[in-house]
Amino acid sequence: MDRREFCGTVAISLLSAACGKPAAAPVSTPRRLLVVTETAGYRHASIPVAVRTIEELGRQTGSWRIAATAGTRDDVAAAISEAGLAQVDAVVFANTTGNIGFTPEGTDAFYRWMENGGAYIGLHSATDTFLGNARYVNLTRGEFDKHGPQTDVVVHVQDPAHPACAGLPASFPIHEEIYEFKNWSRGAVHMLLAMHAHPQTGAPGDYPLAWTHRPGRGRMFYTALGHRDDVYANPIFLQHLRGGMEWALGLRPGDDTPGNAIV
């Protein structure tokens, strides 16, 4: 068994414990997810683990299922279309990178779909996708700038009542590849997770890790965690991811007021 298989197995074995936390009410019909895994830049080895984790969280909670995946440019072009988006409730960017296969028509359809109530869930390098694209940055409200060596950081919960943070400790350590962002401001998003020290220098400040945004009637949830396979075996991360997805899918209420105070 290689490391990715081991971490995926450990992650799935821990999901039951994570799902023992307060959950959304059961849904009669699980929400349908399109999971996009195409990469036009760096490809994360953790993508298969991420997809399995999302699938298993849905199975454990009964709240969603993966209706389709899109791992190539042709897949993305077909799925990100008016007809394709009509078949799903949420689009997950699972460690996508670069300029993936949106067509001009699909691009317009995607942003209309979001404004009209669609859900977007972005993992880690989702913000390293469509760099410099104003419409995408307006959706994600943050853009990958750089990262240093993987390191240990302390993460601070910014809204303990939000589903993406409910049940988490007020602060917790994690070893990860930590992104630094441009075109981001606390006043433009509802903050969920942040660091109080720069991941490399230790300089004090406000350094974001997860947040939400409401584009029209839609919901955007992004977490910068998820580079490493073993993060998907971390019960704290699993609880965070599950709660964020439940909020994005409209299954649990949570404050989305931008500019919440530093905690």
Protein backbone atom coordinates (compact mmCIF):
# COMPACT_ATOMS: atom_id res chain seq x y z
CA MET A 1 0.00 0.00 0.00
CA ASP A 2 1.53 3.36 -1.00
CA ARG A 3 1.32 6.56 1.04
CA ARG A 4 -1.67 7.97 -0.85
CA GLU A 5 -3.64 4.75 -0.43
CA PHE A 6 -2.75 4.62 3.27
CA CYS A 7 -3.77 8.22 3.90
CA GLY A 8 -7.01 7.74 1.98
CA THR A 9 -7.82 4.66 4.07
CA VAL A 10 -7.03 6.50 7.32
CA ALA A 11 -9.15 9.46 6.23
CA ILE A 12 -12.15 7.29 5.51
CA SER A 13 -11.75 5.45 8.83
CA LEU A 14 -11.87 8.79 10.66
CA LEU A 15 -14.92 10.17 8.90
CA SER A 16 -17.38 8.46 11.21
CA ALA A 17 -15.82 10.25 14.18
CA ALA A 18 -15.94 13.58 12.37
CA CYS A 19 -19.54 12.96 11.37
CA GLY A 20 -20.46 12.42 15.01
CA LYS A 21 -20.41 16.21 15.43
CA PRO A 22 -23.61 18.32 15.04
CA ALA A 23 -24.84 17.82 11.49
CA ALA A 24 -27.36 19.08 9.02
CA ALA A 25 -30.83 17.60 9.09
CA PRO A 26 -31.14 14.55 6.80
CA VAL A 27 -32.07 15.42 3.24
CA SER A 28 -34.60 13.44 1.24
CA THR A 29 -32.58 13.82 -1.95
CA PRO A 30 -28.79 14.17 -1.67
CA ARG A 31 -27.31 17.26 -3.31
CA ARG A 32 -25.50 16.56 -6.56
CA LEU A 33 -21.84 17.54 -6.90
CA LEU A 34 -19.65 18.11 -9.94
CA VAL A 35 -16.05 17.60 -8.82
CA VAL A 36 -13.49 19.26 -11.10
CA THR A 37 -9.95 17.86 -10.92
CA GLU A 38 -8.40 19.18 -14.13
CA THR A 39 -4.99 20.79 -13.71
CA ALA A 40 -3.32 23.04 -16.25
CA GLY A 41 -0.41 23.70 -13.89
CA TYR A 42 0.97 21.82 -10.91
CA ARG A 43 -0.93 18.60 -10.17
CA HIS A 44 -1.35 17.67 -6.52
CA ALA A 45 -0.86 14.03 -5.59
CA SER A 46 -3.61 14.50 -2.99
CA ILE A 47 -6.38 14.89 -5.60
CA PRO A 48 -7.55 11.24 -5.45
CA VAL A 49 -7.63 11.39 -1.65
CA ALA A 50 -9.62 14.64 -1.78
CA VAL A 51 -12.20 13.13 -4.13
CA ARG A 52 -12.55 9.98 -2.02
CA THR A 53 -12.93 12.08 1.11
CA ILE A 54 -15.69 14.22 -0.41
CA GLU A 55 -17.45 11.09 -1.63
CA GLU A 56 -17.23 9.40 1.76
CA LEU A 57 -18.39 12.48 3.67
CA GLY A 58 -21.46 12.51 1.44
CA ARG A 59 -22.07 8.83 2.02
CA GLN A 60 -21.66 9.16 5.78
CA THR A 61 -23.98 12.16 6.09
CA GLY A 62 -26.40 11.26 3.29
CA SER A 63 -26.30 14.92 2.29
CA TRP A 64 -24.61 14.75 -1.13
CA ARG A 65 -23.23 12.48 -3.80
CA ILE A 66 -20.74 12.98 -6.61
CA ALA A 67 -22.88 13.11 -9.73
CA ALA A 68 -19.99 13.77 -12.12
CA THR A 69 -16.25 14.38 -12.23
CA ALA A 70 -14.32 16.42 -14.77
CA GLY A 71 -10.62 15.68 -15.03
CA THR A 72 -9.78 16.78 -18.58
CA ARG A 73 -10.35 19.90 -20.66
CA ASP A 74 -13.04 18.12 -22.67
CA ASP A 75 -14.72 16.92 -19.48
CA VAL A 76 -14.75 20.43 -18.05
CA ALA A 77 -16.02 21.98 -21.28
CA ALA A 78 -18.92 19.52 -21.34
CA ALA A 79 -19.77 19.81 -17.64
CA ILE A 80 -19.44 23.58 -17.31
CA SER A 81 -22.31 24.42 -19.62
CA GLU A 82 -25.88 25.50 -19.16
CA ALA A 83 -27.09 21.93 -19.61
CA GLY A 84 -24.37 20.41 -17.42
CA LEU A 85 -24.79 22.86 -14.55
CA ALA A 86 -28.55 22.31 -14.54
CA GLN A 87 -27.80 18.75 -13.40
CA VAL A 88 -25.83 19.69 -10.25
CA ASP A 89 -26.21 21.70 -7.07
CA ALA A 90 -22.53 22.46 -6.45
CA VAL A 91 -19.21 22.57 -8.24
CA VAL A 92 -16.11 21.54 -6.29
CA PHE A 93 -12.69 22.67 -7.48
CA ALA A 94 -10.56 19.89 -5.93
CA ASN A 95 -6.99 21.24 -6.20
CA THR A 96 -7.44 22.56 -9.72
CA THR A 97 -4.67 24.74 -11.17
CA GLY A 98 -4.15 26.99 -14.17
CA ASN A 99 -6.56 27.90 -16.94
CA ILE A 100 -8.81 24.86 -17.02
CA GLY A 101 -11.22 24.06 -19.84
CA PHE A 102 -14.02 26.59 -19.50
CA THR A 103 -15.37 27.65 -22.90
CA PRO A 104 -16.58 31.25 -23.37
CA GLU A 105 -20.19 30.02 -23.34
CA GLY A 106 -19.52 27.82 -20.33
CA THR A 107 -17.89 30.68 -18.47
CA ASP A 108 -20.99 32.84 -18.86
CA ALA A 109 -23.22 29.93 -17.87
CA PHE A 110 -21.14 29.23 -14.76
CA TYR A 111 -21.29 32.76 -13.39
CA ARG A 112 -25.02 33.05 -14.15
CA TRP A 113 -25.53 29.74 -12.35
CA MET A 114 -23.59 31.01 -9.33
CA GLU A 115 -25.50 34.29 -9.16
CA ASN A 116 -28.78 32.38 -9.37
CA GLY A 117 -28.07 30.16 -6.39
CA GLY A 118 -25.27 27.75 -7.30
CA ALA A 119 -22.66 26.58 -4.81
CA TYR A 120 -18.88 26.69 -5.27
CA ILE A 121 -16.48 24.79 -2.99
CA GLY A 122 -12.77 25.37 -3.48
CA LEU A 123 -9.96 23.30 -1.99
CA HIS A 124 -6.38 24.55 -1.56
CA SER A 125 -5.09 25.31 -5.07
CA ALA A 126 -8.52 26.33 -6.33
CA THR A 127 -7.14 29.86 -5.83
CA ASP A 128 -4.20 28.94 -8.09
CA THR A 129 -6.73 28.56 -10.91
CA PHE A 130 -7.57 31.24 -13.50
CA LEU A 131 -4.90 33.56 -12.10
CA GLY A 132 -5.53 37.14 -13.15
CA ASN A 133 -9.10 36.41 -14.26
CA ALA A 134 -11.23 39.20 -12.77
CA ARG A 135 -14.50 37.25 -12.82
CA TYR A 136 -12.97 34.30 -11.01
CA VAL A 137 -11.19 36.47 -8.45
CA ASN A 138 -14.48 38.26 -7.81
CA LEU A 139 -15.96 34.85 -7.02
CA THR A 140 -13.16 33.49 -4.82
CA ARG A 141 -12.20 36.88 -3.32
CA GLY A 142 -8.57 35.83 -3.08
CA GLU A 143 -5.80 34.70 -5.40
CA PHE A 144 -2.72 32.56 -4.80
CA ASP A 145 0.44 34.64 -4.57
CA LYS A 146 3.16 32.31 -3.25
CA HIS A 147 4.05 29.74 -0.63
CA GLY A 148 7.15 28.76 1.28
CA PRO A 149 8.25 25.35 2.54
CA GLN A 150 5.64 23.21 4.24
CA THR A 151 5.57 24.17 7.89
CA ASP A 152 3.79 23.98 11.24
CA VAL A 153 1.31 26.77 11.90
CA VAL A 154 -1.35 27.58 14.47
CA VAL A 155 -4.81 28.14 13.02
CA HIS A 156 -7.37 30.36 14.79
CA VAL A 157 -11.13 29.94 14.34
CA GLN A 158 -12.75 33.23 13.31
CA ASP A 159 -16.45 32.33 13.60
CA PRO A 160 -17.04 29.46 16.03
CA ALA A 161 -20.78 29.45 15.29
CA HIS A 162 -20.35 28.88 11.55
CA PRO A 163 -20.85 25.27 10.34
CA ALA A 164 -17.30 25.24 8.93
CA CYS A 165 -15.95 25.99 12.42
CA ALA A 166 -18.56 24.51 14.77
CA GLY A 167 -17.03 22.01 17.16
CA LEU A 168 -13.45 22.97 16.30
CA PRO A 169 -11.01 24.05 19.01
CA ALA A 170 -10.48 27.80 19.21
CA SER A 171 -7.00 27.21 17.80
CA PHE A 172 -5.18 24.16 16.52
CA PRO A 173 -1.81 23.25 14.97
CA ILE A 174 -1.40 21.80 11.50
CA HIS A 175 1.52 20.96 9.21
CA GLU A 176 0.72 22.14 5.70
CA GLU A 177 1.76 24.00 2.59
CA ILE A 178 0.50 27.45 3.51
CA TYR A 179 -0.57 29.84 0.79
CA GLU A 180 -0.12 33.58 0.83
CA PHE A 181 -2.74 35.56 -1.09
CA LYS A 182 -3.13 38.65 -3.19
CA ASN A 183 -6.37 40.44 -4.11
CA TRP A 184 -7.76 39.46 -0.72
CA SER A 185 -9.16 41.60 2.08
CA ARG A 186 -11.01 40.65 5.25
CA GLY A 187 -13.62 43.30 4.48
CA ALA A 188 -14.66 41.47 1.30
CA VAL A 189 -15.21 38.01 2.83
CA HIS A 190 -16.60 36.28 5.89
CA MET A 191 -13.58 34.81 7.64
CA LEU A 192 -13.54 31.27 9.00
CA LEU A 193 -9.89 30.35 9.68
CA ALA A 194 -6.83 32.58 9.95
CA MET A 195 -3.31 32.71 11.33
CA HIS A 196 -1.99 35.46 13.61
CA ALA A 197 1.63 34.90 12.55
CA HIS A 198 3.23 34.75 9.11
CA PRO A 199 3.82 31.09 8.22
CA GLN A 200 7.48 31.62 7.37
CA THR A 201 8.70 34.68 9.28
CA GLY A 202 6.42 34.61 12.29
CA ALA A 203 5.60 38.30 11.83
CA PRO A 204 2.27 39.18 13.50
CA GLY A 205 -0.65 39.94 11.22
CA ASP A 206 -3.89 38.66 9.73
CA TYR A 207 -3.23 35.74 7.38
CA PRO A 208 -6.28 34.01 5.85
CA LEU A 209 -6.89 30.29 5.45
CA ALA A 210 -10.65 29.85 4.88
CA TRP A 211 -13.59 32.11 4.12
CA THR A 212 -16.99 32.46 2.49
CA HIS A 213 -18.57 34.86 0.02
CA ARG A 214 -22.11 35.31 -1.35
CA PRO A 215 -22.15 36.03 -5.12
CA GLY A 216 -25.78 37.02 -5.64
CA ARG A 217 -27.94 34.15 -4.39
CA GLY A 218 -24.98 31.75 -4.62
CA ARG A 219 -22.58 30.53 -1.94
CA MET A 220 -18.79 30.31 -2.15
CA PHE A 221 -16.74 28.36 0.43
CA TYR A 222 -12.96 28.16 0.15
CA THR A 223 -10.37 26.50 2.37
CA ALA A 224 -6.66 26.81 1.68
CA LEU A 225 -5.96 23.55 3.51
CA GLY A 226 -5.71 20.28 1.59
CA HIS A 227 -2.27 20.12 -0.03
CA ARG A 228 -1.08 17.08 1.88
CA ASP A 229 -2.63 13.61 1.79
CA ASP A 230 -2.53 13.34 5.57
CA VAL A 231 -4.57 16.52 6.04
CA TYR A 232 -7.53 14.49 4.74
CA ALA A 233 -6.96 12.13 7.68
CA ASN A 234 -7.17 14.98 10.21
CA PRO A 235 -10.52 14.95 12.07
CA ILE A 236 -10.39 18.71 12.58
CA PHE A 237 -10.01 19.30 8.85
CA LEU A 238 -12.76 16.77 8.08
CA GLN A 239 -15.14 18.58 10.43
CA HIS A 240 -14.21 21.92 8.85
CA LEU A 241 -14.67 20.63 5.32
CA ARG A 242 -17.94 18.90 6.04
CA GLY A 243 -19.42 21.97 7.75
CA GLY A 244 -18.24 24.30 5.00
CA MET A 245 -19.79 22.08 2.36
CA GLU A 246 -23.05 21.86 4.30
CA TRP A 247 -23.18 25.67 4.47
CA ALA A 248 -22.39 26.03 0.76
CA LEU A 249 -25.14 23.56 -0.08
CA GLY A 250 -27.65 25.49 2.02
CA LEU A 251 -28.05 22.62 4.49
CA ARG A 252 -26.95 24.56 7.59
CA PRO A 253 -27.28 28.29 8.30
CA GLY A 254 -24.25 30.40 9.04
CA ASP A 255 -23.36 34.07 9.16
CA ASP A 256 -21.89 35.29 5.88
CA THR A 257 -21.49 38.97 6.75
CA PRO A 258 -18.19 40.20 5.29
CA GLY A 259 -15.58 41.88 7.42
CA ASN A 260 -16.02 39.97 10.68
CA ALA A 261 -13.53 40.92 13.36
CA ILE A 262 -10.21 39.19 14.00
CA VAL A 263 -10.54 36.58 16.74
